[in-house]
Amino acid sequence: MSDLINKMSALSAAEEFLDFFSVEYDQAVVHVNRLHILKRFNQYLRKTPGTSTMDDTALWDTCKELLARAYGDFVNSSAAQEKVFKVFQDQDGQSIPLDKLRTTLPSHKGL
């Protein structure tokens, strides 16, 4: 396993990845979209051919570019618009009014 992969495996928070790859970010964007950014980054990595054969320098450059792109997806968009997770894909633009949810609760009185 490459040294870069070992270092990346120790990272967990979106901010750690962004700092590691020197990607500038707005904390407010990351706070709301951290999991979406990391999921999108993973999707981009999986779609990029040849990453398993890249040396650490080329892989670092590729990861930085893909992470910046994943972060950028959420700067002017929302998780619902980007539909990274299945729950947003299944929703298909539908919303349920809060009043309708309240009436379906077993003890909806007093809400």
PDB file of N, CA and C in Angstrom:
ATOM      1  N   MET A   1       0.856  -1.179   0.000  1.00  0.00           N
ATOM      2  CA  MET A   1       0.000   0.000   0.000  1.00  0.00           C
ATOM      3  C   MET A   1       0.895   1.233   0.000  1.00  0.00           C
ATOM      4  N   SER A   2       0.516   2.240  -0.762  1.00  0.00           N
ATOM      5  CA  SER A   2       1.339   3.437  -0.880  1.00  0.00           C
ATOM      6  C   SER A   2       1.312   4.245   0.415  1.00  0.00           C
ATOM      7  N   ASP A   3       2.324   5.063   0.579  1.00  0.00           N
ATOM      8  CA  ASP A   3       2.412   5.938   1.746  1.00  0.00           C
ATOM      9  C   ASP A   3       1.231   6.903   1.787  1.00  0.00           C
ATOM     10  N   LEU A   4       0.836   7.409   0.623  1.00  0.00           N
ATOM     11  CA  LEU A   4      -0.293   8.333   0.567  1.00  0.00           C
ATOM     12  C   LEU A   4      -1.580   7.656   1.012  1.00  0.00           C
ATOM     13  N   ILE A   5      -1.822   6.452   0.564  1.00  0.00           N
ATOM     14  CA  ILE A   5      -3.028   5.714   0.948  1.00  0.00           C
ATOM     15  C   ILE A   5      -3.025   5.480   2.456  1.00  0.00           C
ATOM     16  N   ASN A   6      -1.882   5.140   3.014  1.00  0.00           N
ATOM     17  CA  ASN A   6      -1.792   4.954   4.464  1.00  0.00           C
ATOM     18  C   ASN A   6      -2.133   6.236   5.208  1.00  0.00           C
ATOM     19  N   LYS A   7      -1.630   7.356   4.738  1.00  0.00           N
ATOM     20  CA  LYS A   7      -1.931   8.640   5.381  1.00  0.00           C
ATOM     21  C   LYS A   7      -3.407   8.983   5.242  1.00  0.00           C
ATOM     22  N   MET A   8      -3.956   8.737   4.078  1.00  0.00           N
ATOM     23  CA  MET A   8      -5.375   9.031   3.854  1.00  0.00           C
ATOM     24  C   MET A   8      -6.271   8.161   4.731  1.00  0.00           C
ATOM     25  N   SER A   9      -5.861   6.935   4.992  1.00  0.00           N
ATOM     26  CA  SER A   9      -6.690   6.036   5.792  1.00  0.00           C
ATOM     27  C   SER A   9      -6.809   6.510   7.240  1.00  0.00           C
ATOM     28  N   ALA A  10      -5.919   7.390   7.671  1.00  0.00           N
ATOM     29  CA  ALA A  10      -5.984   7.933   9.027  1.00  0.00           C
ATOM     30  C   ALA A  10      -6.916   9.140   9.111  1.00  0.00           C
ATOM     31  N   LEU A  11      -7.356   9.658   7.973  1.00  0.00           N
ATOM     32  CA  LEU A  11      -8.234  10.825   7.949  1.00  0.00           C
ATOM     33  C   LEU A  11      -9.687  10.376   8.052  1.00  0.00           C
ATOM     34  N   SER A  12     -10.498  11.194   8.708  1.00  0.00           N
ATOM     35  CA  SER A  12     -11.911  10.829   8.785  1.00  0.00           C
ATOM     36  C   SER A  12     -12.835  12.011   8.514  1.00  0.00           C
ATOM     37  N   ALA A  13     -12.545  13.161   9.052  1.00  0.00           N
ATOM     38  CA  ALA A  13     -13.418  14.327   8.878  1.00  0.00           C
ATOM     39  C   ALA A  13     -13.139  15.006   7.546  1.00  0.00           C
ATOM     40  N   ALA A  14     -14.171  15.608   6.985  1.00  0.00           N
ATOM     41  CA  ALA A  14     -14.017  16.327   5.717  1.00  0.00           C
ATOM     42  C   ALA A  14     -12.941  17.393   5.834  1.00  0.00           C
ATOM     43  N   GLU A  15     -12.918  18.092   6.963  1.00  0.00           N
ATOM     44  CA  GLU A  15     -11.907  19.131   7.160  1.00  0.00           C
ATOM     45  C   GLU A  15     -10.492  18.553   7.125  1.00  0.00           C
ATOM     46  N   GLU A  16     -10.321  17.348   7.660  1.00  0.00           N
ATOM     47  CA  GLU A  16      -9.008  16.702   7.634  1.00  0.00           C
ATOM     48  C   GLU A  16      -8.563  16.436   6.195  1.00  0.00           C
ATOM     49  N   PHE A  17      -9.468  15.957   5.373  1.00  0.00           N
ATOM     50  CA  PHE A  17      -9.150  15.719   3.960  1.00  0.00           C
ATOM     51  C   PHE A  17      -8.837  17.034   3.251  1.00  0.00           C
ATOM     52  N   LEU A  18      -9.668  18.031   3.467  1.00  0.00           N
ATOM     53  CA  LEU A  18      -9.472  19.327   2.810  1.00  0.00           C
ATOM     54  C   LEU A  18      -8.140  19.954   3.237  1.00  0.00           C
ATOM     55  N   ASP A  19      -7.818  19.883   4.511  1.00  0.00           N
ATOM     56  CA  ASP A  19      -6.540  20.408   4.993  1.00  0.00           C
ATOM     57  C   ASP A  19      -5.365  19.606   4.437  1.00  0.00           C
ATOM     58  N   PHE A  20      -5.492  18.281   4.452  1.00  0.00           N
ATOM     59  CA  PHE A  20      -4.424  17.411   3.972  1.00  0.00           C
ATOM     60  C   PHE A  20      -4.077  17.704   2.510  1.00  0.00           C
ATOM     61  N   PHE A  21      -5.107  17.945   1.696  1.00  0.00           N
ATOM     62  CA  PHE A  21      -4.887  18.206   0.279  1.00  0.00           C
ATOM     63  C   PHE A  21      -4.817  19.705  -0.044  1.00  0.00           C
ATOM     64  N   SER A  22      -4.741  20.518   0.995  1.00  0.00           N
ATOM     65  CA  SER A  22      -4.595  21.975   0.846  1.00  0.00           C
ATOM     66  C   SER A  22      -5.685  22.586  -0.036  1.00  0.00           C
ATOM     67  N   VAL A  23      -6.913  22.164   0.199  1.00  0.00           N
ATOM     68  CA  VAL A  23      -8.060  22.714  -0.519  1.00  0.00           C
ATOM     69  C   VAL A  23      -8.703  23.766   0.389  1.00  0.00           C
ATOM     70  N   GLU A  24      -8.759  24.992  -0.090  1.00  0.00           N
ATOM     71  CA  GLU A  24      -9.394  26.050   0.697  1.00  0.00           C
ATOM     72  C   GLU A  24     -10.892  25.799   0.764  1.00  0.00           C
ATOM     73  N   TYR A  25     -11.472  26.116   1.917  1.00  0.00           N
ATOM     74  CA  TYR A  25     -12.900  25.864   2.085  1.00  0.00           C
ATOM     75  C   TYR A  25     -13.517  26.840   3.070  1.00  0.00           C
ATOM     76  N   ASP A  26     -14.827  26.979   2.938  1.00  0.00           N
ATOM     77  CA  ASP A  26     -15.635  27.767   3.854  1.00  0.00           C
ATOM     78  C   ASP A  26     -16.229  26.785   4.862  1.00  0.00           C
ATOM     79  N   GLN A  27     -15.968  27.012   6.136  1.00  0.00           N
ATOM     80  CA  GLN A  27     -16.433  26.095   7.175  1.00  0.00           C
ATOM     81  C   GLN A  27     -17.954  25.933   7.154  1.00  0.00           C
ATOM     82  N   ALA A  28     -18.672  26.987   6.818  1.00  0.00           N
ATOM     83  CA  ALA A  28     -20.139  26.912   6.772  1.00  0.00           C
ATOM     84  C   ALA A  28     -20.601  25.907   5.714  1.00  0.00           C
ATOM     85  N   VAL A  29     -19.934  25.871   4.578  1.00  0.00           N
ATOM     86  CA  VAL A  29     -20.283  24.916   3.515  1.00  0.00           C
ATOM     87  C   VAL A  29     -19.980  23.497   3.975  1.00  0.00           C
ATOM     88  N   VAL A  30     -18.822  23.317   4.587  1.00  0.00           N
ATOM     89  CA  VAL A  30     -18.422  21.978   5.032  1.00  0.00           C
ATOM     90  C   VAL A  30     -19.322  21.496   6.171  1.00  0.00           C
ATOM     91  N   HIS A  31     -19.663  22.392   7.082  1.00  0.00           N
ATOM     92  CA  HIS A  31     -20.488  22.017   8.229  1.00  0.00           C
ATOM     93  C   HIS A  31     -21.810  21.386   7.790  1.00  0.00           C
ATOM     94  N   VAL A  32     -22.409  21.928   6.765  1.00  0.00           N
ATOM     95  CA  VAL A  32     -23.711  21.445   6.296  1.00  0.00           C
ATOM     96  C   VAL A  32     -23.574  20.232   5.369  1.00  0.00           C
ATOM     97  N   ASN A  33     -22.452  20.120   4.657  1.00  0.00           N
ATOM     98  CA  ASN A  33     -22.333  19.119   3.585  1.00  0.00           C
ATOM     99  C   ASN A  33     -21.183  18.135   3.753  1.00  0.00           C
ATOM    100  N   ARG A  34     -20.623  18.024   4.942  1.00  0.00           N
ATOM    101  CA  ARG A  34     -19.405  17.214   5.123  1.00  0.00           C
ATOM    102  C   ARG A  34     -19.511  15.801   4.565  1.00  0.00           C
ATOM    103  N   LEU A  35     -20.568  15.084   4.891  1.00  0.00           N
ATOM    104  CA  LEU A  35     -20.699  13.707   4.398  1.00  0.00           C
ATOM    105  C   LEU A  35     -20.930  13.657   2.893  1.00  0.00           C
ATOM    106  N   HIS A  36     -21.657  14.624   2.392  1.00  0.00           N
ATOM    107  CA  HIS A  36     -21.930  14.685   0.955  1.00  0.00           C
ATOM    108  C   HIS A  36     -20.642  14.950   0.172  1.00  0.00           C
ATOM    109  N   ILE A  37     -19.807  15.824   0.700  1.00  0.00           N
ATOM    110  CA  ILE A  37     -18.525  16.126   0.041  1.00  0.00           C
ATOM    111  C   ILE A  37     -17.655  14.879  -0.012  1.00  0.00           C
ATOM    112  N   LEU A  38     -17.546  14.173   1.111  1.00  0.00           N
ATOM    113  CA  LEU A  38     -16.708  12.970   1.136  1.00  0.00           C
ATOM    114  C   LEU A  38     -17.274  11.869   0.241  1.00  0.00           C
ATOM    115  N   LYS A  39     -18.582  11.726   0.228  1.00  0.00           N
ATOM    116  CA  LYS A  39     -19.212  10.716  -0.643  1.00  0.00           C
ATOM    117  C   LYS A  39     -18.967  11.054  -2.123  1.00  0.00           C
ATOM    118  N   ARG A  40     -19.133  12.321  -2.476  1.00  0.00           N
ATOM    119  CA  ARG A  40     -18.905  12.737  -3.857  1.00  0.00           C
ATOM    120  C   ARG A  40     -17.431  12.543  -4.229  1.00  0.00           C
ATOM    121  N   PHE A  41     -16.516  12.865  -3.325  1.00  0.00           N
ATOM    122  CA  PHE A  41     -15.084  12.652  -3.545  1.00  0.00           C
ATOM    123  C   PHE A  41     -14.832  11.177  -3.832  1.00  0.00           C
ATOM    124  N   ASN A  42     -15.426  10.306  -3.052  1.00  0.00           N
ATOM    125  CA  ASN A  42     -15.274   8.869  -3.263  1.00  0.00           C
ATOM    126  C   ASN A  42     -15.833   8.454  -4.620  1.00  0.00           C
ATOM    127  N   GLN A  43     -16.980   9.016  -4.999  1.00  0.00           N
ATOM    128  CA  GLN A  43     -17.559   8.703  -6.308  1.00  0.00           C
ATOM    129  C   GLN A  43     -16.618   9.125  -7.430  1.00  0.00           C
ATOM    130  N   TYR A  44     -16.058  10.323  -7.315  1.00  0.00           N
ATOM    131  CA  TYR A  44     -15.129  10.806  -8.333  1.00  0.00           C
ATOM    132  C   TYR A  44     -13.885   9.920  -8.405  1.00  0.00           C
ATOM    133  N   LEU A  45     -13.375   9.503  -7.248  1.00  0.00           N
ATOM    134  CA  LEU A  45     -12.195   8.627  -7.231  1.00  0.00           C
ATOM    135  C   LEU A  45     -12.485   7.304  -7.932  1.00  0.00           C
ATOM    136  N   ARG A  46     -13.640   6.743  -7.646  1.00  0.00           N
ATOM    137  CA  ARG A  46     -13.998   5.448  -8.245  1.00  0.00           C
ATOM    138  C   ARG A  46     -14.163   5.549  -9.758  1.00  0.00           C
ATOM    139  N   LYS A  47     -14.592   6.700 -10.252  1.00  0.00           N
ATOM    140  CA  LYS A  47     -14.806   6.892 -11.687  1.00  0.00           C
ATOM    141  C   LYS A  47     -13.530   7.278 -12.436  1.00  0.00           C
ATOM    142  N   THR A  48     -12.462   7.554 -11.701  1.00  0.00           N
ATOM    143  CA  THR A  48     -11.223   7.995 -12.326  1.00  0.00           C
ATOM    144  C   THR A  48     -10.339   6.788 -12.622  1.00  0.00           C
ATOM    145  N   PRO A  49     -10.100   6.516 -13.891  1.00  0.00           N
ATOM    146  CA  PRO A  49      -9.289   5.345 -14.235  1.00  0.00           C
ATOM    147  C   PRO A  49      -7.818   5.543 -13.876  1.00  0.00           C
ATOM    148  N   GLY A  50      -7.183   4.437 -13.510  1.00  0.00           N
ATOM    149  CA  GLY A  50      -5.742   4.442 -13.307  1.00  0.00           C
ATOM    150  C   GLY A  50      -5.253   4.875 -11.942  1.00  0.00           C
ATOM    151  N   THR A  51      -6.140   5.178 -11.016  1.00  0.00           N
ATOM    152  CA  THR A  51      -5.670   5.649  -9.707  1.00  0.00           C
ATOM    153  C   THR A  51      -4.873   4.578  -8.965  1.00  0.00           C
ATOM    154  N   SER A  52      -5.185   3.319  -9.188  1.00  0.00           N
ATOM    155  CA  SER A  52      -4.485   2.243  -8.481  1.00  0.00           C
ATOM    156  C   SER A  52      -3.044   2.078  -8.955  1.00  0.00           C
ATOM    157  N   THR A  53      -2.723   2.604 -10.115  1.00  0.00           N
ATOM    158  CA  THR A  53      -1.354   2.461 -10.632  1.00  0.00           C
ATOM    159  C   THR A  53      -0.554   3.765 -10.581  1.00  0.00           C
ATOM    160  N   MET A  54      -1.168   4.830 -10.059  1.00  0.00           N
ATOM    161  CA  MET A  54      -0.467   6.119  -9.967  1.00  0.00           C
ATOM    162  C   MET A  54       0.561   6.105  -8.844  1.00  0.00           C
ATOM    163  N   ASP A  55       1.649   6.828  -9.070  1.00  0.00           N
ATOM    164  CA  ASP A  55       2.584   7.013  -7.962  1.00  0.00           C
ATOM    165  C   ASP A  55       1.972   8.031  -7.001  1.00  0.00           C
ATOM    166  N   ASP A  56       2.560   8.180  -5.820  1.00  0.00           N
ATOM    167  CA  ASP A  56       1.974   9.040  -4.793  1.00  0.00           C
ATOM    168  C   ASP A  56       1.817  10.492  -5.232  1.00  0.00           C
ATOM    169  N   THR A  57       2.747  11.002  -6.002  1.00  0.00           N
ATOM    170  CA  THR A  57       2.668  12.393  -6.449  1.00  0.00           C
ATOM    171  C   THR A  57       1.482  12.593  -7.388  1.00  0.00           C
ATOM    172  N   ALA A  58       1.342  11.722  -8.358  1.00  0.00           N
ATOM    173  CA  ALA A  58       0.220  11.820  -9.299  1.00  0.00           C
ATOM    174  C   ALA A  58      -1.108  11.585  -8.593  1.00  0.00           C
ATOM    175  N   LEU A  59      -1.126  10.630  -7.660  1.00  0.00           N
ATOM    176  CA  LEU A  59      -2.364  10.339  -6.928  1.00  0.00           C
ATOM    177  C   LEU A  59      -2.741  11.521  -6.035  1.00  0.00           C
ATOM    178  N   TRP A  60      -1.765  12.147  -5.392  1.00  0.00           N
ATOM    179  CA  TRP A  60      -2.039  13.315  -4.543  1.00  0.00           C
ATOM    180  C   TRP A  60      -2.644  14.434  -5.386  1.00  0.00           C
ATOM    181  N   ASP A  61      -2.043  14.695  -6.532  1.00  0.00           N
ATOM    182  CA  ASP A  61      -2.559  15.739  -7.425  1.00  0.00           C
ATOM    183  C   ASP A  61      -3.991  15.423  -7.870  1.00  0.00           C
ATOM    184  N   THR A  62      -4.235  14.172  -8.219  1.00  0.00           N
ATOM    185  CA  THR A  62      -5.565  13.751  -8.656  1.00  0.00           C
ATOM    186  C   THR A  62      -6.573  13.883  -7.520  1.00  0.00           C
ATOM    187  N   CYS A  63      -6.197  13.427  -6.332  1.00  0.00           N
ATOM    188  CA  CYS A  63      -7.097  13.518  -5.174  1.00  0.00           C
ATOM    189  C   CYS A  63      -7.402  14.967  -4.831  1.00  0.00           C
ATOM    190  N   LYS A  64      -6.392  15.825  -4.891  1.00  0.00           N
ATOM    191  CA  LYS A  64      -6.620  17.242  -4.595  1.00  0.00           C
ATOM    192  C   LYS A  64      -7.627  17.828  -5.579  1.00  0.00           C
ATOM    193  N   GLU A  65      -7.441  17.537  -6.842  1.00  0.00           N
ATOM    194  CA  GLU A  65      -8.351  18.052  -7.876  1.00  0.00           C
ATOM    195  C   GLU A  65      -9.772  17.530  -7.681  1.00  0.00           C
ATOM    196  N   LEU A  66      -9.904  16.234  -7.395  1.00  0.00           N
ATOM    197  CA  LEU A  66     -11.224  15.635  -7.229  1.00  0.00           C
ATOM    198  C   LEU A  66     -11.912  16.107  -5.955  1.00  0.00           C
ATOM    199  N   LEU A  67     -11.142  16.282  -4.880  1.00  0.00           N
ATOM    200  CA  LEU A  67     -11.722  16.776  -3.636  1.00  0.00           C
ATOM    201  C   LEU A  67     -12.179  18.222  -3.790  1.00  0.00           C
ATOM    202  N   ALA A  68     -11.376  19.031  -4.462  1.00  0.00           N
ATOM    203  CA  ALA A  68     -11.775  20.424  -4.717  1.00  0.00           C
ATOM    204  C   ALA A  68     -13.036  20.459  -5.569  1.00  0.00           C
ATOM    205  N   ARG A  69     -13.132  19.563  -6.522  1.00  0.00           N
ATOM    206  CA  ARG A  69     -14.326  19.487  -7.373  1.00  0.00           C
ATOM    207  C   ARG A  69     -15.544  19.052  -6.555  1.00  0.00           C
ATOM    208  N   ALA A  70     -15.356  18.058  -5.672  1.00  0.00           N
ATOM    209  CA  ALA A  70     -16.454  17.582  -4.824  1.00  0.00           C
ATOM    210  C   ALA A  70     -16.924  18.687  -3.888  1.00  0.00           C
ATOM    211  N   TYR A  71     -15.988  19.397  -3.286  1.00  0.00           N
ATOM    212  CA  TYR A  71     -16.344  20.523  -2.418  1.00  0.00           C
ATOM    213  C   TYR A  71     -17.080  21.591  -3.231  1.00  0.00           C
ATOM    214  N   GLY A  72     -16.563  21.896  -4.393  1.00  0.00           N
ATOM    215  CA  GLY A  72     -17.161  22.915  -5.252  1.00  0.00           C
ATOM    216  C   GLY A  72     -18.592  22.600  -5.650  1.00  0.00           C
ATOM    217  N   ASP A  73     -18.908  21.319  -5.747  1.00  0.00           N
ATOM    218  CA  ASP A  73     -20.274  20.930  -6.089  1.00  0.00           C
ATOM    219  C   ASP A  73     -21.289  21.451  -5.082  1.00  0.00           C
ATOM    220  N   PHE A  74     -20.851  21.658  -3.837  1.00  0.00           N
ATOM    221  CA  PHE A  74     -21.777  22.056  -2.776  1.00  0.00           C
ATOM    222  C   PHE A  74     -21.662  23.522  -2.382  1.00  0.00           C
ATOM    223  N   VAL A  75     -20.791  24.258  -3.030  1.00  0.00           N
ATOM    224  CA  VAL A  75     -20.649  25.681  -2.724  1.00  0.00           C
ATOM    225  C   VAL A  75     -21.888  26.445  -3.180  1.00  0.00           C
ATOM    226  N   ASN A  76     -22.365  26.158  -4.372  1.00  0.00           N
ATOM    227  CA  ASN A  76     -23.531  26.865  -4.921  1.00  0.00           C
ATOM    228  C   ASN A  76     -24.711  25.940  -5.156  1.00  0.00           C
ATOM    229  N   SER A  77     -24.718  24.804  -4.491  1.00  0.00           N
ATOM    230  CA  SER A  77     -25.790  23.835  -4.661  1.00  0.00           C
ATOM    231  C   SER A  77     -26.140  23.273  -3.291  1.00  0.00           C
ATOM    232  N   SER A  78     -27.085  22.369  -3.274  1.00  0.00           N
ATOM    233  CA  SER A  78     -27.487  21.760  -2.006  1.00  0.00           C
ATOM    234  C   SER A  78     -27.396  20.244  -2.122  1.00  0.00           C
ATOM    235  N   ALA A  79     -27.444  19.605  -0.970  1.00  0.00           N
ATOM    236  CA  ALA A  79     -27.415  18.142  -0.951  1.00  0.00           C
ATOM    237  C   ALA A  79     -28.606  17.569  -1.710  1.00  0.00           C
ATOM    238  N   ALA A  80     -29.760  18.196  -1.556  1.00  0.00           N
ATOM    239  CA  ALA A  80     -30.958  17.716  -2.258  1.00  0.00           C
ATOM    240  C   ALA A  80     -30.802  17.854  -3.774  1.00  0.00           C
ATOM    241  N   GLN A  81     -30.167  18.916  -4.232  1.00  0.00           N
ATOM    242  CA  GLN A  81     -29.969  19.106  -5.672  1.00  0.00           C
ATOM    243  C   GLN A  81     -28.914  18.150  -6.233  1.00  0.00           C
ATOM    244  N   GLU A  82     -27.858  17.915  -5.459  1.00  0.00           N
ATOM    245  CA  GLU A  82     -26.765  17.056  -5.924  1.00  0.00           C
ATOM    246  C   GLU A  82     -27.107  15.568  -5.859  1.00  0.00           C
ATOM    247  N   LYS A  83     -27.999  15.191  -4.967  1.00  0.00           N
ATOM    248  CA  LYS A  83     -28.488  13.810  -4.844  1.00  0.00           C
ATOM    249  C   LYS A  83     -27.363  12.776  -4.738  1.00  0.00           C
ATOM    250  N   VAL A  84     -26.456  13.002  -3.807  1.00  0.00           N
ATOM    251  CA  VAL A  84     -25.342  12.083  -3.609  1.00  0.00           C
ATOM    252  C   VAL A  84     -25.800  10.799  -2.932  1.00  0.00           C
ATOM    253  N   PHE A  85     -26.643  10.940  -1.920  1.00  0.00           N
ATOM    254  CA  PHE A  85     -27.107   9.781  -1.166  1.00  0.00           C
ATOM    255  C   PHE A  85     -28.445   9.275  -1.699  1.00  0.00           C
ATOM    256  N   LYS A  86     -28.686   8.007  -1.512  1.00  0.00           N
ATOM    257  CA  LYS A  86     -29.871   7.341  -2.034  1.00  0.00           C
ATOM    258  C   LYS A  86     -31.163   8.005  -1.562  1.00  0.00           C
ATOM    259  N   VAL A  87     -31.204   8.472  -0.343  1.00  0.00           N
ATOM    260  CA  VAL A  87     -32.422   9.091   0.175  1.00  0.00           C
ATOM    261  C   VAL A  87     -32.849  10.283  -0.680  1.00  0.00           C
ATOM    262  N   PHE A  88     -31.882  11.035  -1.203  1.00  0.00           N
ATOM    263  CA  PHE A  88     -32.202  12.169  -2.068  1.00  0.00           C
ATOM    264  C   PHE A  88     -32.541  11.704  -3.484  1.00  0.00           C
ATOM    265  N   GLN A  89     -31.955  10.605  -3.919  1.00  0.00           N
ATOM    266  CA  GLN A  89     -32.260  10.068  -5.236  1.00  0.00           C
ATOM    267  C   GLN A  89     -33.682   9.517  -5.260  1.00  0.00           C
ATOM    268  N   ASP A  90     -34.084   8.852  -4.186  1.00  0.00           N
ATOM    269  CA  ASP A  90     -35.421   8.272  -4.096  1.00  0.00           C
ATOM    270  C   ASP A  90     -36.496   9.327  -3.926  1.00  0.00           C
ATOM    271  N   GLN A  91     -36.153  10.444  -3.325  1.00  0.00           N
ATOM    272  CA  GLN A  91     -37.129  11.497  -3.061  1.00  0.00           C
ATOM    273  C   GLN A  91     -37.678  12.067  -4.358  1.00  0.00           C
ATOM    274  N   ASP A  92     -36.849  12.182  -5.367  1.00  0.00           N
ATOM    275  CA  ASP A  92     -37.245  12.645  -6.695  1.00  0.00           C
ATOM    276  C   ASP A  92     -38.030  13.957  -6.665  1.00  0.00           C
ATOM    277  N   GLY A  93     -37.561  14.888  -5.826  1.00  0.00           N
ATOM    278  CA  GLY A  93     -38.156  16.213  -5.798  1.00  0.00           C
ATOM    279  C   GLY A  93     -39.432  16.327  -5.000  1.00  0.00           C
ATOM    280  N   GLN A  94     -39.879  15.244  -4.405  1.00  0.00           N
ATOM    281  CA  GLN A  94     -41.117  15.279  -3.637  1.00  0.00           C
ATOM    282  C   GLN A  94     -40.841  15.776  -2.225  1.00  0.00           C
ATOM    283  N   SER A  95     -41.799  16.456  -1.658  1.00  0.00           N
ATOM    284  CA  SER A  95     -41.707  16.854  -0.264  1.00  0.00           C
ATOM    285  C   SER A  95     -43.029  16.554   0.412  1.00  0.00           C
ATOM    286  N   ILE A  96     -42.952  16.345   1.707  1.00  0.00           N
ATOM    287  CA  ILE A  96     -44.143  16.037   2.487  1.00  0.00           C
ATOM    288  C   ILE A  96     -44.348  17.174   3.476  1.00  0.00           C
ATOM    289  N   PRO A  97     -45.516  17.795   3.453  1.00  0.00           N
ATOM    290  CA  PRO A  97     -45.773  18.889   4.377  1.00  0.00           C
ATOM    291  C   PRO A  97     -45.730  18.408   5.826  1.00  0.00           C
ATOM    292  N   LEU A  98     -45.245  19.255   6.712  1.00  0.00           N
ATOM    293  CA  LEU A  98     -45.134  18.929   8.122  1.00  0.00           C
ATOM    294  C   LEU A  98     -46.489  18.559   8.717  1.00  0.00           C
ATOM    295  N   ASP A  99     -47.547  19.257   8.320  1.00  0.00           N
ATOM    296  CA  ASP A  99     -48.888  18.953   8.831  1.00  0.00           C
ATOM    297  C   ASP A  99     -49.306  17.522   8.494  1.00  0.00           C
ATOM    298  N   LYS A 100     -48.935  17.061   7.315  1.00  0.00           N
ATOM    299  CA  LYS A 100     -49.280  15.691   6.920  1.00  0.00           C
ATOM    300  C   LYS A 100     -48.526  14.690   7.788  1.00  0.00           C
ATOM    301  N   LEU A 101     -47.278  14.976   8.094  1.00  0.00           N
ATOM    302  CA  LEU A 101     -46.515  14.101   8.977  1.00  0.00           C
ATOM    303  C   LEU A 101     -47.132  14.060  10.369  1.00  0.00           C
ATOM    304  N   ARG A 102     -47.556  15.204  10.860  1.00  0.00           N
ATOM    305  CA  ARG A 102     -48.154  15.265  12.204  1.00  0.00           C
ATOM    306  C   ARG A 102     -49.402  14.397  12.294  1.00  0.00           C
ATOM    307  N   THR A 103     -50.220  14.405  11.246  1.00  0.00           N
ATOM    308  CA  THR A 103     -51.462  13.634  11.292  1.00  0.00           C
ATOM    309  C   THR A 103     -51.220  12.139  11.215  1.00  0.00           C
ATOM    310  N   THR A 104     -50.053  11.722  10.774  1.00  0.00           N
ATOM    311  CA  THR A 104     -49.755  10.295  10.685  1.00  0.00           C
ATOM    312  C   THR A 104     -49.147   9.745  11.968  1.00  0.00           C
ATOM    313  N   LEU A 105     -48.754  10.615  12.894  1.00  0.00           N
ATOM    314  CA  LEU A 105     -48.191  10.153  14.153  1.00  0.00           C
ATOM    315  C   LEU A 105     -49.278   9.560  15.022  1.00  0.00           C
ATOM    316  N   PRO A 106     -48.961   8.468  15.750  1.00  0.00           N
ATOM    317  CA  PRO A 106     -49.967   7.852  16.611  1.00  0.00           C
ATOM    318  C   PRO A 106     -50.529   8.800  17.660  1.00  0.00           C
ATOM    319  N   SER A 107     -49.708   9.634  18.216  1.00  0.00           N
ATOM    320  CA  SER A 107     -50.181  10.582  19.240  1.00  0.00           C
ATOM    321  C   SER A 107     -49.992  11.996  18.736  1.00  0.00           C
ATOM    322  N   HIS A 108     -50.747  12.353  17.695  1.00  0.00           N
ATOM    323  CA  HIS A 108     -50.560  13.648  17.056  1.00  0.00           C
ATOM    324  C   HIS A 108     -51.254  14.772  17.779  1.00  0.00           C
ATOM    325  N   LYS A 109     -52.026  14.493  18.788  1.00  0.00           N
ATOM    326  CA  LYS A 109     -52.711  15.553  19.513  1.00  0.00           C
ATOM    327  C   LYS A 109     -51.693  16.382  20.282  1.00  0.00           C
ATOM    328  N   GLY A 110     -51.875  17.667  20.254  1.00  0.00           N
ATOM    329  CA  GLY A 110     -51.005  18.582  20.993  1.00  0.00           C
ATOM    330  C   GLY A 110     -49.762  18.987  20.228  1.00  0.00           C
ATOM    331  N   LEU A 111     -49.623  18.569  19.007  1.00  0.00           N
ATOM    332  CA  LEU A 111     -48.445  18.941  18.213  1.00  0.00           C
ATOM    333  C   LEU A 111     -48.715  20.167  17.389  1.00  0.00           C
TER     334      LEU A 111
END
